[in-house]
Amino acid sequence: MHDQKFIEVLGRHFSLPEVQQIVKFLDRGFSPQGEVTLVGIFIYAGGMQKKPLQEILNACEEEWLRNWSLQDTEVRGDPEAPGGLRSQNVMSSVLIYLRLKIPNPGV
């Protein structure tokens, strides 16, 4: 179950069917910090940069296949994970922004 606050915040930027698609993606099992990071990506890319949800999901799916599906759920997506996982997860966020052709909000 996802934090209700995430769902409420997503609902300010996306329709209910879109929020359900996002939750379905998150249901793959991300670490708590990874989930925070992904919700931030969806809000920034979709809500602020006005990218279509399907485009965001496609970019996230590429990172799922490249990186996140290979990680344990305890660290999946966590930009503060120990060791090399930290770099991999930060790089996933960077690659999503590059694929979406939007500025990285962390820079």
PDB file of N, CA and C in Angstrom:
ATOM      1  N   MET A   1       0.845  -1.191   0.000  1.00  0.00           N
ATOM      2  CA  MET A   1       0.000   0.000   0.000  1.00  0.00           C
ATOM      3  C   MET A   1       0.879   1.238   0.000  1.00  0.00           C
ATOM      4  N   HIS A   2       0.533   2.175  -0.799  1.00  0.00           N
ATOM      5  CA  HIS A   2       1.312   3.397  -0.926  1.00  0.00           C
ATOM      6  C   HIS A   2       0.789   4.445   0.046  1.00  0.00           C
ATOM      7  N   ASP A   3       1.689   5.324   0.435  1.00  0.00           N
ATOM      8  CA  ASP A   3       1.320   6.415   1.324  1.00  0.00           C
ATOM      9  C   ASP A   3       0.172   7.209   0.685  1.00  0.00           C
ATOM     10  N   GLN A   4      -0.882   7.407   1.426  1.00  0.00           N
ATOM     11  CA  GLN A   4      -2.054   8.130   0.923  1.00  0.00           C
ATOM     12  C   GLN A   4      -1.689   9.543   0.476  1.00  0.00           C
ATOM     13  N   LYS A   5      -0.699  10.139   1.130  1.00  0.00           N
ATOM     14  CA  LYS A   5      -0.280  11.496   0.744  1.00  0.00           C
ATOM     15  C   LYS A   5       0.270  11.504  -0.678  1.00  0.00           C
ATOM     16  N   PHE A   6       1.002  10.431  -1.067  1.00  0.00           N
ATOM     17  CA  PHE A   6       1.501  10.335  -2.443  1.00  0.00           C
ATOM     18  C   PHE A   6       0.338  10.352  -3.411  1.00  0.00           C
ATOM     19  N   ILE A   7      -0.670   9.565  -3.113  1.00  0.00           N
ATOM     20  CA  ILE A   7      -1.816   9.455  -4.005  1.00  0.00           C
ATOM     21  C   ILE A   7      -2.557  10.788  -4.091  1.00  0.00           C
ATOM     22  N   GLU A   8      -2.691  11.460  -2.961  1.00  0.00           N
ATOM     23  CA  GLU A   8      -3.346  12.770  -2.952  1.00  0.00           C
ATOM     24  C   GLU A   8      -2.562  13.783  -3.782  1.00  0.00           C
ATOM     25  N   VAL A   9      -1.254  13.800  -3.619  1.00  0.00           N
ATOM     26  CA  VAL A   9      -0.418  14.749  -4.368  1.00  0.00           C
ATOM     27  C   VAL A   9      -0.460  14.420  -5.858  1.00  0.00           C
ATOM     28  N   LEU A  10      -0.365  13.150  -6.197  1.00  0.00           N
ATOM     29  CA  LEU A  10      -0.456  12.765  -7.606  1.00  0.00           C
ATOM     30  C   LEU A  10      -1.799  13.181  -8.190  1.00  0.00           C
ATOM     31  N   GLY A  11      -2.860  13.083  -7.380  1.00  0.00           N
ATOM     32  CA  GLY A  11      -4.198  13.450  -7.830  1.00  0.00           C
ATOM     33  C   GLY A  11      -4.347  14.931  -8.141  1.00  0.00           C
ATOM     34  N   ARG A  12      -3.442  15.748  -7.632  1.00  0.00           N
ATOM     35  CA  ARG A  12      -3.471  17.186  -7.955  1.00  0.00           C
ATOM     36  C   ARG A  12      -2.925  17.463  -9.352  1.00  0.00           C
ATOM     37  N   HIS A  13      -2.192  16.487  -9.885  1.00  0.00           N
ATOM     38  CA  HIS A  13      -1.524  16.683 -11.176  1.00  0.00           C
ATOM     39  C   HIS A  13      -2.019  15.746 -12.268  1.00  0.00           C
ATOM     40  N   PHE A  14      -2.685  14.657 -11.863  1.00  0.00           N
ATOM     41  CA  PHE A  14      -3.114  13.635 -12.816  1.00  0.00           C
ATOM     42  C   PHE A  14      -4.556  13.238 -12.539  1.00  0.00           C
ATOM     43  N   SER A  15      -5.223  12.736 -13.564  1.00  0.00           N
ATOM     44  CA  SER A  15      -6.582  12.213 -13.409  1.00  0.00           C
ATOM     45  C   SER A  15      -6.527  10.903 -12.615  1.00  0.00           C
ATOM     46  N   LEU A  16      -7.660  10.464 -12.110  1.00  0.00           N
ATOM     47  CA  LEU A  16      -7.716   9.215 -11.347  1.00  0.00           C
ATOM     48  C   LEU A  16      -7.197   8.025 -12.149  1.00  0.00           C
ATOM     49  N   PRO A  17      -7.599   7.848 -13.427  1.00  0.00           N
ATOM     50  CA  PRO A  17      -7.040   6.724 -14.194  1.00  0.00           C
ATOM     51  C   PRO A  17      -5.511   6.821 -14.353  1.00  0.00           C
ATOM     52  N   GLU A  18      -4.993   8.028 -14.476  1.00  0.00           N
ATOM     53  CA  GLU A  18      -3.542   8.201 -14.586  1.00  0.00           C
ATOM     54  C   GLU A  18      -2.861   7.863 -13.254  1.00  0.00           C
ATOM     55  N   VAL A  19      -3.442   8.304 -12.149  1.00  0.00           N
ATOM     56  CA  VAL A  19      -2.883   7.965 -10.828  1.00  0.00           C
ATOM     57  C   VAL A  19      -2.855   6.445 -10.670  1.00  0.00           C
ATOM     58  N   GLN A  20      -3.898   5.775 -11.124  1.00  0.00           N
ATOM     59  CA  GLN A  20      -3.933   4.314 -11.033  1.00  0.00           C
ATOM     60  C   GLN A  20      -2.824   3.672 -11.856  1.00  0.00           C
ATOM     61  N   GLN A  21      -2.497   4.248 -13.008  1.00  0.00           N
ATOM     62  CA  GLN A  21      -1.383   3.736 -13.821  1.00  0.00           C
ATOM     63  C   GLN A  21      -0.053   3.929 -13.093  1.00  0.00           C
ATOM     64  N   ILE A  22       0.109   5.075 -12.468  1.00  0.00           N
ATOM     65  CA  ILE A  22       1.342   5.355 -11.727  1.00  0.00           C
ATOM     66  C   ILE A  22       1.475   4.385 -10.554  1.00  0.00           C
ATOM     67  N   VAL A  23       0.390   4.198  -9.819  1.00  0.00           N
ATOM     68  CA  VAL A  23       0.403   3.279  -8.677  1.00  0.00           C
ATOM     69  C   VAL A  23       0.724   1.862  -9.151  1.00  0.00           C
ATOM     70  N   LYS A  24       0.196   1.473 -10.287  1.00  0.00           N
ATOM     71  CA  LYS A  24       0.502   0.145 -10.839  1.00  0.00           C
ATOM     72  C   LYS A  24       1.999   0.004 -11.099  1.00  0.00           C
ATOM     73  N   PHE A  25       2.624   1.052 -11.612  1.00  0.00           N
ATOM     74  CA  PHE A  25       4.075   1.007 -11.828  1.00  0.00           C
ATOM     75  C   PHE A  25       4.803   0.902 -10.484  1.00  0.00           C
ATOM     76  N   LEU A  26       4.379   1.691  -9.508  1.00  0.00           N
ATOM     77  CA  LEU A  26       5.020   1.672  -8.189  1.00  0.00           C
ATOM     78  C   LEU A  26       4.817   0.344  -7.469  1.00  0.00           C
ATOM     79  N   ASP A  27       3.742  -0.361  -7.797  1.00  0.00           N
ATOM     80  CA  ASP A  27       3.445  -1.649  -7.167  1.00  0.00           C
ATOM     81  C   ASP A  27       4.495  -2.718  -7.476  1.00  0.00           C
ATOM     82  N   ARG A  28       5.406  -2.422  -8.357  1.00  0.00           N
ATOM     83  CA  ARG A  28       6.478  -3.381  -8.649  1.00  0.00           C
ATOM     84  C   ARG A  28       7.416  -3.548  -7.463  1.00  0.00           C
ATOM     85  N   GLY A  29       7.335  -2.635  -6.527  1.00  0.00           N
ATOM     86  CA  GLY A  29       8.125  -2.777  -5.307  1.00  0.00           C
ATOM     87  C   GLY A  29       9.382  -1.936  -5.301  1.00  0.00           C
ATOM     88  N   PHE A  30       9.236  -0.700  -4.903  1.00  0.00           N
ATOM     89  CA  PHE A  30      10.368   0.201  -4.754  1.00  0.00           C
ATOM     90  C   PHE A  30      10.619   0.439  -3.267  1.00  0.00           C
ATOM     91  N   SER A  31      11.832   0.786  -2.936  1.00  0.00           N
ATOM     92  CA  SER A  31      12.139   1.150  -1.556  1.00  0.00           C
ATOM     93  C   SER A  31      11.343   2.415  -1.219  1.00  0.00           C
ATOM     94  N   PRO A  32      11.154   2.708   0.070  1.00  0.00           N
ATOM     95  CA  PRO A  32      10.430   3.943   0.410  1.00  0.00           C
ATOM     96  C   PRO A  32      11.044   5.183  -0.228  1.00  0.00           C
ATOM     97  N   GLN A  33      12.377   5.296  -0.187  1.00  0.00           N
ATOM     98  CA  GLN A  33      13.032   6.461  -0.781  1.00  0.00           C
ATOM     99  C   GLN A  33      12.933   6.424  -2.304  1.00  0.00           C
ATOM    100  N   GLY A  34      12.954   5.243  -2.872  1.00  0.00           N
ATOM    101  CA  GLY A  34      12.773   5.102  -4.317  1.00  0.00           C
ATOM    102  C   GLY A  34      11.387   5.545  -4.748  1.00  0.00           C
ATOM    103  N   GLU A  35      10.397   5.211  -3.930  1.00  0.00           N
ATOM    104  CA  GLU A  35       9.031   5.628  -4.227  1.00  0.00           C
ATOM    105  C   GLU A  35       8.905   7.153  -4.159  1.00  0.00           C
ATOM    106  N   VAL A  36       9.530   7.764  -3.162  1.00  0.00           N
ATOM    107  CA  VAL A  36       9.525   9.233  -3.054  1.00  0.00           C
ATOM    108  C   VAL A  36      10.148   9.834  -4.316  1.00  0.00           C
ATOM    109  N   THR A  37      11.266   9.265  -4.732  1.00  0.00           N
ATOM    110  CA  THR A  37      11.961   9.763  -5.923  1.00  0.00           C
ATOM    111  C   THR A  37      11.078   9.654  -7.157  1.00  0.00           C
ATOM    112  N   LEU A  38      10.432   8.508  -7.328  1.00  0.00           N
ATOM    113  CA  LEU A  38       9.588   8.318  -8.511  1.00  0.00           C
ATOM    114  C   LEU A  38       8.360   9.216  -8.494  1.00  0.00           C
ATOM    115  N   VAL A  39       7.730   9.364  -7.350  1.00  0.00           N
ATOM    116  CA  VAL A  39       6.586  10.279  -7.266  1.00  0.00           C
ATOM    117  C   VAL A  39       7.038  11.683  -7.648  1.00  0.00           C
ATOM    118  N   GLY A  40       8.221  12.074  -7.191  1.00  0.00           N
ATOM    119  CA  GLY A  40       8.772  13.377  -7.562  1.00  0.00           C
ATOM    120  C   GLY A  40       8.991  13.505  -9.061  1.00  0.00           C
ATOM    121  N   ILE A  41       9.477  12.444  -9.673  1.00  0.00           N
ATOM    122  CA  ILE A  41       9.692  12.456 -11.124  1.00  0.00           C
ATOM    123  C   ILE A  41       8.353  12.618 -11.847  1.00  0.00           C
ATOM    124  N   PHE A  42       7.353  11.853 -11.436  1.00  0.00           N
ATOM    125  CA  PHE A  42       6.044  11.954 -12.093  1.00  0.00           C
ATOM    126  C   PHE A  42       5.456  13.358 -11.939  1.00  0.00           C
ATOM    127  N   ILE A  43       5.537  13.912 -10.741  1.00  0.00           N
ATOM    128  CA  ILE A  43       4.974  15.251 -10.508  1.00  0.00           C
ATOM    129  C   ILE A  43       5.735  16.313 -11.298  1.00  0.00           C
ATOM    130  N   TYR A  44       7.057  16.236 -11.261  1.00  0.00           N
ATOM    131  CA  TYR A  44       7.867  17.229 -11.972  1.00  0.00           C
ATOM    132  C   TYR A  44       7.661  17.106 -13.484  1.00  0.00           C
ATOM    133  N   ALA A  45       7.789  15.894 -14.006  1.00  0.00           N
ATOM    134  CA  ALA A  45       7.707  15.707 -15.459  1.00  0.00           C
ATOM    135  C   ALA A  45       6.289  15.928 -15.987  1.00  0.00           C
ATOM    136  N   GLY A  46       5.310  15.399 -15.290  1.00  0.00           N
ATOM    137  CA  GLY A  46       3.933  15.496 -15.775  1.00  0.00           C
ATOM    138  C   GLY A  46       3.220  16.747 -15.322  1.00  0.00           C
ATOM    139  N   GLY A  47       3.332  17.050 -14.047  1.00  0.00           N
ATOM    140  CA  GLY A  47       2.598  18.179 -13.494  1.00  0.00           C
ATOM    141  C   GLY A  47       3.215  19.521 -13.804  1.00  0.00           C
ATOM    142  N   MET A  48       4.542  19.590 -13.772  1.00  0.00           N
ATOM    143  CA  MET A  48       5.204  20.882 -13.967  1.00  0.00           C
ATOM    144  C   MET A  48       5.712  21.064 -15.402  1.00  0.00           C
ATOM    145  N   GLN A  49       6.263  20.013 -15.977  1.00  0.00           N
ATOM    146  CA  GLN A  49       6.812  20.113 -17.334  1.00  0.00           C
ATOM    147  C   GLN A  49       5.800  19.692 -18.406  1.00  0.00           C
ATOM    148  N   LYS A  50       4.643  19.211 -17.976  1.00  0.00           N
ATOM    149  CA  LYS A  50       3.517  18.880 -18.864  1.00  0.00           C
ATOM    150  C   LYS A  50       3.820  17.779 -19.884  1.00  0.00           C
ATOM    151  N   LYS A  51       4.652  16.833 -19.495  1.00  0.00           N
ATOM    152  CA  LYS A  51       4.911  15.687 -20.358  1.00  0.00           C
ATOM    153  C   LYS A  51       3.752  14.704 -20.232  1.00  0.00           C
ATOM    154  N   PRO A  52       3.371  14.054 -21.317  1.00  0.00           N
ATOM    155  CA  PRO A  52       2.285  13.066 -21.247  1.00  0.00           C
ATOM    156  C   PRO A  52       2.678  11.890 -20.342  1.00  0.00           C
ATOM    157  N   LEU A  53       1.700  11.380 -19.609  1.00  0.00           N
ATOM    158  CA  LEU A  53       1.983  10.291 -18.687  1.00  0.00           C
ATOM    159  C   LEU A  53       2.611   9.096 -19.384  1.00  0.00           C
ATOM    160  N   GLN A  54       2.105   8.722 -20.549  1.00  0.00           N
ATOM    161  CA  GLN A  54       2.652   7.543 -21.222  1.00  0.00           C
ATOM    162  C   GLN A  54       4.135   7.718 -21.549  1.00  0.00           C
ATOM    163  N   GLU A  55       4.529   8.913 -21.890  1.00  0.00           N
ATOM    164  CA  GLU A  55       5.941   9.186 -22.170  1.00  0.00           C
ATOM    165  C   GLU A  55       6.782   9.013 -20.901  1.00  0.00           C
ATOM    166  N   ILE A  56       6.255   9.466 -19.772  1.00  0.00           N
ATOM    167  CA  ILE A  56       6.963   9.311 -18.493  1.00  0.00           C
ATOM    168  C   ILE A  56       7.053   7.832 -18.126  1.00  0.00           C
ATOM    169  N   LEU A  57       5.942   7.124 -18.263  1.00  0.00           N
ATOM    170  CA  LEU A  57       5.943   5.692 -17.956  1.00  0.00           C
ATOM    171  C   LEU A  57       6.916   4.932 -18.847  1.00  0.00           C
ATOM    172  N   ASN A  58       6.988   5.299 -20.122  1.00  0.00           N
ATOM    173  CA  ASN A  58       7.930   4.643 -21.036  1.00  0.00           C
ATOM    174  C   ASN A  58       9.369   4.859 -20.585  1.00  0.00           C
ATOM    175  N   ALA A  59       9.695   6.089 -20.184  1.00  0.00           N
ATOM    176  CA  ALA A  59      11.052   6.389 -19.713  1.00  0.00           C
ATOM    177  C   ALA A  59      11.350   5.605 -18.433  1.00  0.00           C
ATOM    178  N   CYS A  60      10.377   5.528 -17.541  1.00  0.00           N
ATOM    179  CA  CYS A  60      10.557   4.762 -16.303  1.00  0.00           C
ATOM    180  C   CYS A  60      10.683   3.271 -16.596  1.00  0.00           C
ATOM    181  N   GLU A  61       9.928   2.788 -17.567  1.00  0.00           N
ATOM    182  CA  GLU A  61       9.998   1.371 -17.944  1.00  0.00           C
ATOM    183  C   GLU A  61      11.390   1.015 -18.462  1.00  0.00           C
ATOM    184  N   GLU A  62      11.995   1.917 -19.221  1.00  0.00           N
ATOM    185  CA  GLU A  62      13.353   1.669 -19.706  1.00  0.00           C
ATOM    186  C   GLU A  62      14.320   1.507 -18.534  1.00  0.00           C
ATOM    187  N   GLU A  63      14.150   2.328 -17.506  1.00  0.00           N
ATOM    188  CA  GLU A  63      15.015   2.205 -16.328  1.00  0.00           C
ATOM    189  C   GLU A  63      14.675   0.969 -15.502  1.00  0.00           C
ATOM    190  N   TRP A  64      13.410   0.571 -15.536  1.00  0.00           N
ATOM    191  CA  TRP A  64      13.043  -0.676 -14.882  1.00  0.00           C
ATOM    192  C   TRP A  64      13.823  -1.826 -15.523  1.00  0.00           C
ATOM    193  N   LEU A  65      13.823  -1.880 -16.823  1.00  0.00           N
ATOM    194  CA  LEU A  65      14.509  -2.961 -17.534  1.00  0.00           C
ATOM    195  C   LEU A  65      16.027  -2.874 -17.396  1.00  0.00           C
ATOM    196  N   ARG A  66      16.559  -1.667 -17.449  1.00  0.00           N
ATOM    197  CA  ARG A  66      18.008  -1.474 -17.403  1.00  0.00           C
ATOM    198  C   ARG A  66      18.580  -1.652 -16.004  1.00  0.00           C
ATOM    199  N   ASN A  67      17.858  -1.223 -14.985  1.00  0.00           N
ATOM    200  CA  ASN A  67      18.458  -1.120 -13.657  1.00  0.00           C
ATOM    201  C   ASN A  67      17.581  -1.669 -12.538  1.00  0.00           C
ATOM    202  N   TRP A  68      16.405  -1.086 -12.352  1.00  0.00           N
ATOM    203  CA  TRP A  68      15.630  -1.357 -11.145  1.00  0.00           C
ATOM    204  C   TRP A  68      15.173  -2.793 -11.007  1.00  0.00           C
ATOM    205  N   SER A  69      14.845  -3.466 -12.107  1.00  0.00           N
ATOM    206  CA  SER A  69      14.365  -4.847 -12.003  1.00  0.00           C
ATOM    207  C   SER A  69      15.449  -5.777 -11.456  1.00  0.00           C
ATOM    208  N   LEU A  70      16.689  -5.345 -11.504  1.00  0.00           N
ATOM    209  CA  LEU A  70      17.813  -6.157 -11.032  1.00  0.00           C
ATOM    210  C   LEU A  70      18.137  -5.917  -9.559  1.00  0.00           C
ATOM    211  N   GLN A  71      17.467  -4.946  -8.948  1.00  0.00           N
ATOM    212  CA  GLN A  71      17.765  -4.571  -7.569  1.00  0.00           C
ATOM    213  C   GLN A  71      16.779  -5.182  -6.585  1.00  0.00           C
ATOM    214  N   ASP A  72      17.246  -5.384  -5.377  1.00  0.00           N
ATOM    215  CA  ASP A  72      16.384  -5.819  -4.287  1.00  0.00           C
ATOM    216  C   ASP A  72      15.433  -4.680  -3.933  1.00  0.00           C
ATOM    217  N   THR A  73      14.223  -5.024  -3.520  1.00  0.00           N
ATOM    218  CA  THR A  73      13.226  -3.994  -3.219  1.00  0.00           C
ATOM    219  C   THR A  73      13.659  -3.065  -2.083  1.00  0.00           C
ATOM    220  N   GLU A  74      14.554  -3.495  -1.231  1.00  0.00           N
ATOM    221  CA  GLU A  74      15.010  -2.640  -0.123  1.00  0.00           C
ATOM    222  C   GLU A  74      15.775  -1.415  -0.606  1.00  0.00           C
ATOM    223  N   VAL A  75      16.382  -1.507  -1.783  1.00  0.00           N
ATOM    224  CA  VAL A  75      17.178  -0.388  -2.304  1.00  0.00           C
ATOM    225  C   VAL A  75      16.697   0.104  -3.670  1.00  0.00           C
ATOM    226  N   ARG A  76      15.705  -0.568  -4.220  1.00  0.00           N
ATOM    227  CA  ARG A  76      15.255  -0.252  -5.581  1.00  0.00           C
ATOM    228  C   ARG A  76      14.840   1.212  -5.695  1.00  0.00           C
ATOM    229  N   GLY A  77      15.551   1.940  -6.555  1.00  0.00           N
ATOM    230  CA  GLY A  77      15.242   3.338  -6.829  1.00  0.00           C
ATOM    231  C   GLY A  77      15.796   4.329  -5.822  1.00  0.00           C
ATOM    232  N   ASP A  78      16.410   3.853  -4.760  1.00  0.00           N
ATOM    233  CA  ASP A  78      16.888   4.724  -3.676  1.00  0.00           C
ATOM    234  C   ASP A  78      18.149   5.480  -4.095  1.00  0.00           C
ATOM    235  N   PRO A  79      18.078   6.807  -4.230  1.00  0.00           N
ATOM    236  CA  PRO A  79      19.256   7.580  -4.632  1.00  0.00           C
ATOM    237  C   PRO A  79      20.287   7.702  -3.508  1.00  0.00           C
ATOM    238  N   GLU A  80      19.981   7.151  -2.344  1.00  0.00           N
ATOM    239  CA  GLU A  80      20.929   7.167  -1.229  1.00  0.00           C
ATOM    240  C   GLU A  80      21.334   5.754  -0.825  1.00  0.00           C
ATOM    241  N   ALA A  81      21.099   4.789  -1.697  1.00  0.00           N
ATOM    242  CA  ALA A  81      21.445   3.396  -1.424  1.00  0.00           C
ATOM    243  C   ALA A  81      22.965   3.267  -1.263  1.00  0.00           C
ATOM    244  N   PRO A  82      23.402   2.255  -0.528  1.00  0.00           N
ATOM    245  CA  PRO A  82      24.839   2.098  -0.314  1.00  0.00           C
ATOM    246  C   PRO A  82      25.588   1.663  -1.574  1.00  0.00           C
ATOM    247  N   GLY A  83      26.867   1.972  -1.570  1.00  0.00           N
ATOM    248  CA  GLY A  83      27.763   1.520  -2.628  1.00  0.00           C
ATOM    249  C   GLY A  83      27.408   2.008  -4.009  1.00  0.00           C
ATOM    250  N   GLY A  84      27.639   1.137  -4.989  1.00  0.00           N
ATOM    251  CA  GLY A  84      27.395   1.480  -6.384  1.00  0.00           C
ATOM    252  C   GLY A  84      25.928   1.639  -6.734  1.00  0.00           C
ATOM    253  N   LEU A  85      25.054   1.122  -5.878  1.00  0.00           N
ATOM    254  CA  LEU A  85      23.623   1.262  -6.160  1.00  0.00           C
ATOM    255  C   LEU A  85      23.189   2.715  -6.136  1.00  0.00           C
ATOM    256  N   ARG A  86      23.832   3.500  -5.294  1.00  0.00           N
ATOM    257  CA  ARG A  86      23.517   4.934  -5.236  1.00  0.00           C
ATOM    258  C   ARG A  86      23.728   5.566  -6.611  1.00  0.00           C
ATOM    259  N   SER A  87      24.890   5.322  -7.189  1.00  0.00           N
ATOM    260  CA  SER A  87      25.211   5.892  -8.508  1.00  0.00           C
ATOM    261  C   SER A  87      24.247   5.390  -9.574  1.00  0.00           C
ATOM    262  N   GLN A  88      23.909   4.100  -9.518  1.00  0.00           N
ATOM    263  CA  GLN A  88      22.990   3.543 -10.502  1.00  0.00           C
ATOM    264  C   GLN A  88      21.620   4.197 -10.415  1.00  0.00           C
ATOM    265  N   ASN A  89      21.141   4.410  -9.205  1.00  0.00           N
ATOM    266  CA  ASN A  89      19.806   4.990  -9.038  1.00  0.00           C
ATOM    267  C   ASN A  89      19.774   6.477  -9.386  1.00  0.00           C
ATOM    268  N   VAL A  90      20.828   7.189  -9.048  1.00  0.00           N
ATOM    269  CA  VAL A  90      20.911   8.594  -9.460  1.00  0.00           C
ATOM    270  C   VAL A  90      20.956   8.673 -10.983  1.00  0.00           C
ATOM    271  N   MET A  91      21.729   7.787 -11.598  1.00  0.00           N
ATOM    272  CA  MET A  91      21.831   7.769 -13.060  1.00  0.00           C
ATOM    273  C   MET A  91      20.478   7.456 -13.693  1.00  0.00           C
ATOM    274  N   SER A  92      19.690   6.592 -13.066  1.00  0.00           N
ATOM    275  CA  SER A  92      18.354   6.302 -13.600  1.00  0.00           C
ATOM    276  C   SER A  92      17.510   7.566 -13.677  1.00  0.00           C
ATOM    277  N   SER A  93      17.539   8.377 -12.623  1.00  0.00           N
ATOM    278  CA  SER A  93      16.786   9.636 -12.643  1.00  0.00           C
ATOM    279  C   SER A  93      17.290  10.552 -13.749  1.00  0.00           C
ATOM    280  N   VAL A  94      18.598  10.672 -13.865  1.00  0.00           N
ATOM    281  CA  VAL A  94      19.200  11.525 -14.895  1.00  0.00           C
ATOM    282  C   VAL A  94      18.771  11.056 -16.283  1.00  0.00           C
ATOM    283  N   LEU A  95      18.824   9.747 -16.509  1.00  0.00           N
ATOM    284  CA  LEU A  95      18.450   9.215 -17.828  1.00  0.00           C
ATOM    285  C   LEU A  95      16.975   9.434 -18.142  1.00  0.00           C
ATOM    286  N   ILE A  96      16.126   9.349 -17.122  1.00  0.00           N
ATOM    287  CA  ILE A  96      14.699   9.629 -17.348  1.00  0.00           C
ATOM    288  C   ILE A  96      14.518  11.070 -17.804  1.00  0.00           C
ATOM    289  N   TYR A  97      15.171  12.009 -17.135  1.00  0.00           N
ATOM    290  CA  TYR A  97      15.052  13.418 -17.530  1.00  0.00           C
ATOM    291  C   TYR A  97      15.599  13.638 -18.938  1.00  0.00           C
ATOM    292  N   LEU A  98      16.705  12.985 -19.266  1.00  0.00           N
ATOM    293  CA  LEU A  98      17.263  13.116 -20.613  1.00  0.00           C
ATOM    294  C   LEU A  98      16.304  12.553 -21.660  1.00  0.00           C
ATOM    295  N   ARG A  99      15.727  11.386 -21.389  1.00  0.00           N
ATOM    296  CA  ARG A  99      14.778  10.793 -22.338  1.00  0.00           C
ATOM    297  C   ARG A  99      13.564  11.691 -22.549  1.00  0.00           C
ATOM    298  N   LEU A 100      13.148  12.347 -21.480  1.00  0.00           N
ATOM    299  CA  LEU A 100      11.984  13.225 -21.563  1.00  0.00           C
ATOM    300  C   LEU A 100      12.328  14.623 -22.085  1.00  0.00           C
ATOM    301  N   LYS A 101      13.622  14.881 -22.240  1.00  0.00           N
ATOM    302  CA  LYS A 101      14.107  16.172 -22.722  1.00  0.00           C
ATOM    303  C   LYS A 101      13.615  17.322 -21.854  1.00  0.00           C
ATOM    304  N   ILE A 102      13.751  17.123 -20.540  1.00  0.00           N
ATOM    305  CA  ILE A 102      13.402  18.178 -19.578  1.00  0.00           C
ATOM    306  C   ILE A 102      14.601  18.411 -18.655  1.00  0.00           C
ATOM    307  N   PRO A 103      14.709  19.603 -18.100  1.00  0.00           N
ATOM    308  CA  PRO A 103      15.837  19.903 -17.212  1.00  0.00           C
ATOM    309  C   PRO A 103      15.791  19.025 -15.964  1.00  0.00           C
ATOM    310  N   ASN A 104      16.955  18.664 -15.506  1.00  0.00           N
ATOM    311  CA  ASN A 104      17.076  17.917 -14.251  1.00  0.00           C
ATOM    312  C   ASN A 104      16.879  18.897 -13.101  1.00  0.00           C
ATOM    313  N   PRO A 105      15.850  18.707 -12.278  1.00  0.00           N
ATOM    314  CA  PRO A 105      15.594  19.672 -11.210  1.00  0.00           C
ATOM    315  C   PRO A 105      16.663  19.671 -10.119  1.00  0.00           C
ATOM    316  N   GLY A 106      17.489  18.625 -10.104  1.00  0.00           N
ATOM    317  CA  GLY A 106      18.530  18.518  -9.087  1.00  0.00           C
ATOM    318  C   GLY A 106      19.816  19.238  -9.437  1.00  0.00           C
ATOM    319  N   VAL A 107      19.843  19.857 -10.610  1.00  0.00           N
ATOM    320  CA  VAL A 107      21.089  20.524 -11.052  1.00  0.00           C
ATOM    321  C   VAL A 107      20.918  22.013 -10.974  1.00  0.00           C
TER     322      VAL A 107
END
